[in-house]
Amino acid sequence: MQTEFTADMGGTTFQGRGLFGYNTHAKKHVGTWVDNSGTWPAVTRGTCKNDCKELTVIFEGWGMNGQPATFKEVCIQQDNDHRTMAMYHKGKDGKFACTMEIAYTRRK
């Protein structure tokens, strides 16, 4: 699946693109994501549950402080017209804290 995302983030245009699929050898959902807020591509790996209405992926990258960081993204499909995505950052204590949430509604 190819995705393209554009949004106004406080007066700045945010743009991102991704490619996502399923690796039958690793038995993991995999993907790549790039956007104009960073200089590195995210390479994700994760799993689905609830008939793949909930996808959780983990990826390594760089935090706002320029240091290596671990992230988690959880996407939940509520119905055919609504979905949410929450992004988490792994802290020094090993726990993930939510740093962003997006609610999507299908355009009709």
C-alpha atoms as a PDB file:
ATOM      1  CA  MET A   1       0.000   0.000   0.000  1.00  0.00           C
ATOM      2  CA  GLN A   2       1.281   3.451  -0.859  1.00  0.00           C
ATOM      3  CA  THR A   3       0.289   6.395   1.326  1.00  0.00           C
ATOM      4  CA  GLU A   4       0.634  10.120   0.917  1.00  0.00           C
ATOM      5  CA  PHE A   5      -0.146  12.578   3.692  1.00  0.00           C
ATOM      6  CA  THR A   6      -0.320  16.384   3.607  1.00  0.00           C
ATOM      7  CA  ALA A   7      -1.472  18.594   6.473  1.00  0.00           C
ATOM      8  CA  ASP A   8      -1.204  22.109   7.840  1.00  0.00           C
ATOM      9  CA  MET A   9       0.750  21.878  11.091  1.00  0.00           C
ATOM     10  CA  GLY A  10       0.441  25.298  12.697  1.00  0.00           C
ATOM     11  CA  GLY A  11       1.034  27.219   9.483  1.00  0.00           C
ATOM     12  CA  THR A  12       3.679  24.843   8.131  1.00  0.00           C
ATOM     13  CA  THR A  13       2.900  22.277   5.463  1.00  0.00           C
ATOM     14  CA  PHE A  14       3.715  18.726   6.562  1.00  0.00           C
ATOM     15  CA  GLN A  15       4.196  16.154   3.800  1.00  0.00           C
ATOM     16  CA  GLY A  16       4.963  12.453   4.082  1.00  0.00           C
ATOM     17  CA  ARG A  17       4.947   9.285   1.990  1.00  0.00           C
ATOM     18  CA  GLY A  18       5.010   5.636   2.880  1.00  0.00           C
ATOM     19  CA  LEU A  19       5.068   2.132   1.461  1.00  0.00           C
ATOM     20  CA  PHE A  20       3.584  -0.654   3.584  1.00  0.00           C
ATOM     21  CA  GLY A  21       3.019  -4.362   3.147  1.00  0.00           C
ATOM     22  CA  TYR A  22       3.405  -7.812   4.659  1.00  0.00           C
ATOM     23  CA  ASN A  23       6.668  -9.771   4.639  1.00  0.00           C
ATOM     24  CA  THR A  24       5.628 -13.429   4.348  1.00  0.00           C
ATOM     25  CA  HIS A  25       9.122 -14.656   5.298  1.00  0.00           C
ATOM     26  CA  ALA A  26       9.367 -12.635   8.521  1.00  0.00           C
ATOM     27  CA  LYS A  27       5.597 -12.851   9.145  1.00  0.00           C
ATOM     28  CA  LYS A  28       5.604  -9.140  10.007  1.00  0.00           C
ATOM     29  CA  HIS A  29       3.925  -6.058   8.630  1.00  0.00           C
ATOM     30  CA  VAL A  30       6.698  -3.845   7.264  1.00  0.00           C
ATOM     31  CA  GLY A  31       6.953  -0.359   5.863  1.00  0.00           C
ATOM     32  CA  THR A  32       8.948   2.731   5.126  1.00  0.00           C
ATOM     33  CA  TRP A  33       8.039   6.343   5.824  1.00  0.00           C
ATOM     34  CA  VAL A  34       9.711   9.634   4.901  1.00  0.00           C
ATOM     35  CA  ASP A  35       8.523  13.172   5.568  1.00  0.00           C
ATOM     36  CA  ASN A  36       9.729  16.740   5.539  1.00  0.00           C
ATOM     37  CA  SER A  37      10.060  16.960   9.327  1.00  0.00           C
ATOM     38  CA  GLY A  38      13.192  14.807   9.446  1.00  0.00           C
ATOM     39  CA  THR A  39      16.183  13.698   7.424  1.00  0.00           C
ATOM     40  CA  TRP A  40      15.881   9.940   7.971  1.00  0.00           C
ATOM     41  CA  PRO A  41      13.586   7.215   6.620  1.00  0.00           C
ATOM     42  CA  ALA A  42      11.641   5.151   9.151  1.00  0.00           C
ATOM     43  CA  VAL A  43      11.701   1.390   8.548  1.00  0.00           C
ATOM     44  CA  THR A  44       8.848  -0.202  10.486  1.00  0.00           C
ATOM     45  CA  ARG A  45       8.062  -3.777  11.598  1.00  0.00           C
ATOM     46  CA  GLY A  46       5.033  -4.928  13.496  1.00  0.00           C
ATOM     47  CA  THR A  47       1.966  -7.059  13.947  1.00  0.00           C
ATOM     48  CA  CYS A  48      -1.811  -6.872  13.604  1.00  0.00           C
ATOM     49  CA  LYS A  49      -4.642  -8.043  15.805  1.00  0.00           C
ATOM     50  CA  ASN A  50      -8.452  -7.933  15.696  1.00  0.00           C
ATOM     51  CA  ASP A  51      -8.561  -9.026  12.033  1.00  0.00           C
ATOM     52  CA  CYS A  52      -5.838  -6.435  11.334  1.00  0.00           C
ATOM     53  CA  LYS A  53      -8.021  -3.554  12.498  1.00  0.00           C
ATOM     54  CA  GLU A  54      -5.210  -2.724  14.943  1.00  0.00           C
ATOM     55  CA  LEU A  55      -1.646  -2.450  13.641  1.00  0.00           C
ATOM     56  CA  THR A  56       1.317  -1.826  15.949  1.00  0.00           C
ATOM     57  CA  VAL A  57       4.761  -1.133  14.496  1.00  0.00           C
ATOM     58  CA  ILE A  58       8.115  -0.274  16.078  1.00  0.00           C
ATOM     59  CA  PHE A  59      10.926   1.674  14.436  1.00  0.00           C
ATOM     60  CA  GLU A  60      14.238   3.292  15.270  1.00  0.00           C
ATOM     61  CA  GLY A  61      15.042   6.879  14.400  1.00  0.00           C
ATOM     62  CA  TRP A  62      16.159  10.171  15.858  1.00  0.00           C
ATOM     63  CA  GLY A  63      14.451  12.122  18.618  1.00  0.00           C
ATOM     64  CA  MET A  64      13.881  15.869  18.706  1.00  0.00           C
ATOM     65  CA  ASN A  65      17.143  16.135  20.659  1.00  0.00           C
ATOM     66  CA  GLY A  66      19.102  14.555  17.779  1.00  0.00           C
ATOM     67  CA  GLN A  67      19.756  11.363  19.725  1.00  0.00           C
ATOM     68  CA  PRO A  68      18.809   7.815  18.620  1.00  0.00           C
ATOM     69  CA  ALA A  69      15.269   6.919  19.675  1.00  0.00           C
ATOM     70  CA  THR A  70      12.720   4.100  19.510  1.00  0.00           C
ATOM     71  CA  PHE A  71       9.168   4.828  18.383  1.00  0.00           C
ATOM     72  CA  LYS A  72       5.899   2.911  18.334  1.00  0.00           C
ATOM     73  CA  GLU A  73       2.909   3.643  16.130  1.00  0.00           C
ATOM     74  CA  VAL A  74      -0.555   2.191  16.768  1.00  0.00           C
ATOM     75  CA  CYS A  75      -3.215   2.464  14.035  1.00  0.00           C
ATOM     76  CA  ILE A  76      -6.798   1.447  14.811  1.00  0.00           C
ATOM     77  CA  GLN A  77      -9.559   1.140  12.208  1.00  0.00           C
ATOM     78  CA  GLN A  78     -12.819   1.875  14.078  1.00  0.00           C
ATOM     79  CA  ASP A  79     -15.043   1.421  11.007  1.00  0.00           C
ATOM     80  CA  ASN A  80     -14.922   1.974   7.239  1.00  0.00           C
ATOM     81  CA  ASP A  81     -14.854   5.759   7.684  1.00  0.00           C
ATOM     82  CA  HIS A  82     -12.769   6.326  10.845  1.00  0.00           C
ATOM     83  CA  ARG A  83      -9.292   5.456  11.971  1.00  0.00           C
ATOM     84  CA  THR A  84      -6.794   6.757  14.528  1.00  0.00           C
ATOM     85  CA  MET A  85      -3.008   6.772  14.682  1.00  0.00           C
ATOM     86  CA  ALA A  86      -1.041   7.335  17.873  1.00  0.00           C
ATOM     87  CA  MET A  87       2.733   7.829  17.968  1.00  0.00           C
ATOM     88  CA  TYR A  88       4.771   6.917  21.043  1.00  0.00           C
ATOM     89  CA  HIS A  89       8.366   7.680  22.036  1.00  0.00           C
ATOM     90  CA  LYS A  90      10.312   5.268  24.258  1.00  0.00           C
ATOM     91  CA  GLY A  91      11.750   7.042  27.288  1.00  0.00           C
ATOM     92  CA  LYS A  92      14.893   6.327  29.281  1.00  0.00           C
ATOM     93  CA  ASP A  93      12.731   4.313  31.688  1.00  0.00           C
ATOM     94  CA  GLY A  94      11.837   1.915  28.840  1.00  0.00           C
ATOM     95  CA  LYS A  95       8.183   2.995  28.755  1.00  0.00           C
ATOM     96  CA  PHE A  96       6.425   4.454  25.726  1.00  0.00           C
ATOM     97  CA  ALA A  97       4.737   7.864  26.081  1.00  0.00           C
ATOM     98  CA  CYS A  98       2.186   9.144  23.553  1.00  0.00           C
ATOM     99  CA  THR A  99       3.520  12.165  21.663  1.00  0.00           C
ATOM    100  CA  MET A 100       0.908  12.562  18.921  1.00  0.00           C
ATOM    101  CA  GLU A 101      -2.577  11.377  17.965  1.00  0.00           C
ATOM    102  CA  ILE A 102      -4.389  11.802  14.663  1.00  0.00           C
ATOM    103  CA  ALA A 103      -8.063  11.022  13.967  1.00  0.00           C
ATOM    104  CA  TYR A 104      -8.861  10.289  10.326  1.00  0.00           C
ATOM    105  CA  THR A 105     -12.297  10.527   8.690  1.00  0.00           C
ATOM    106  CA  ARG A 106     -12.878   9.322   5.145  1.00  0.00           C
ATOM    107  CA  ARG A 107     -13.681  12.142   2.739  1.00  0.00           C
ATOM    108  CA  LYS A 108     -17.052  11.616   1.009  1.00  0.00           C
END
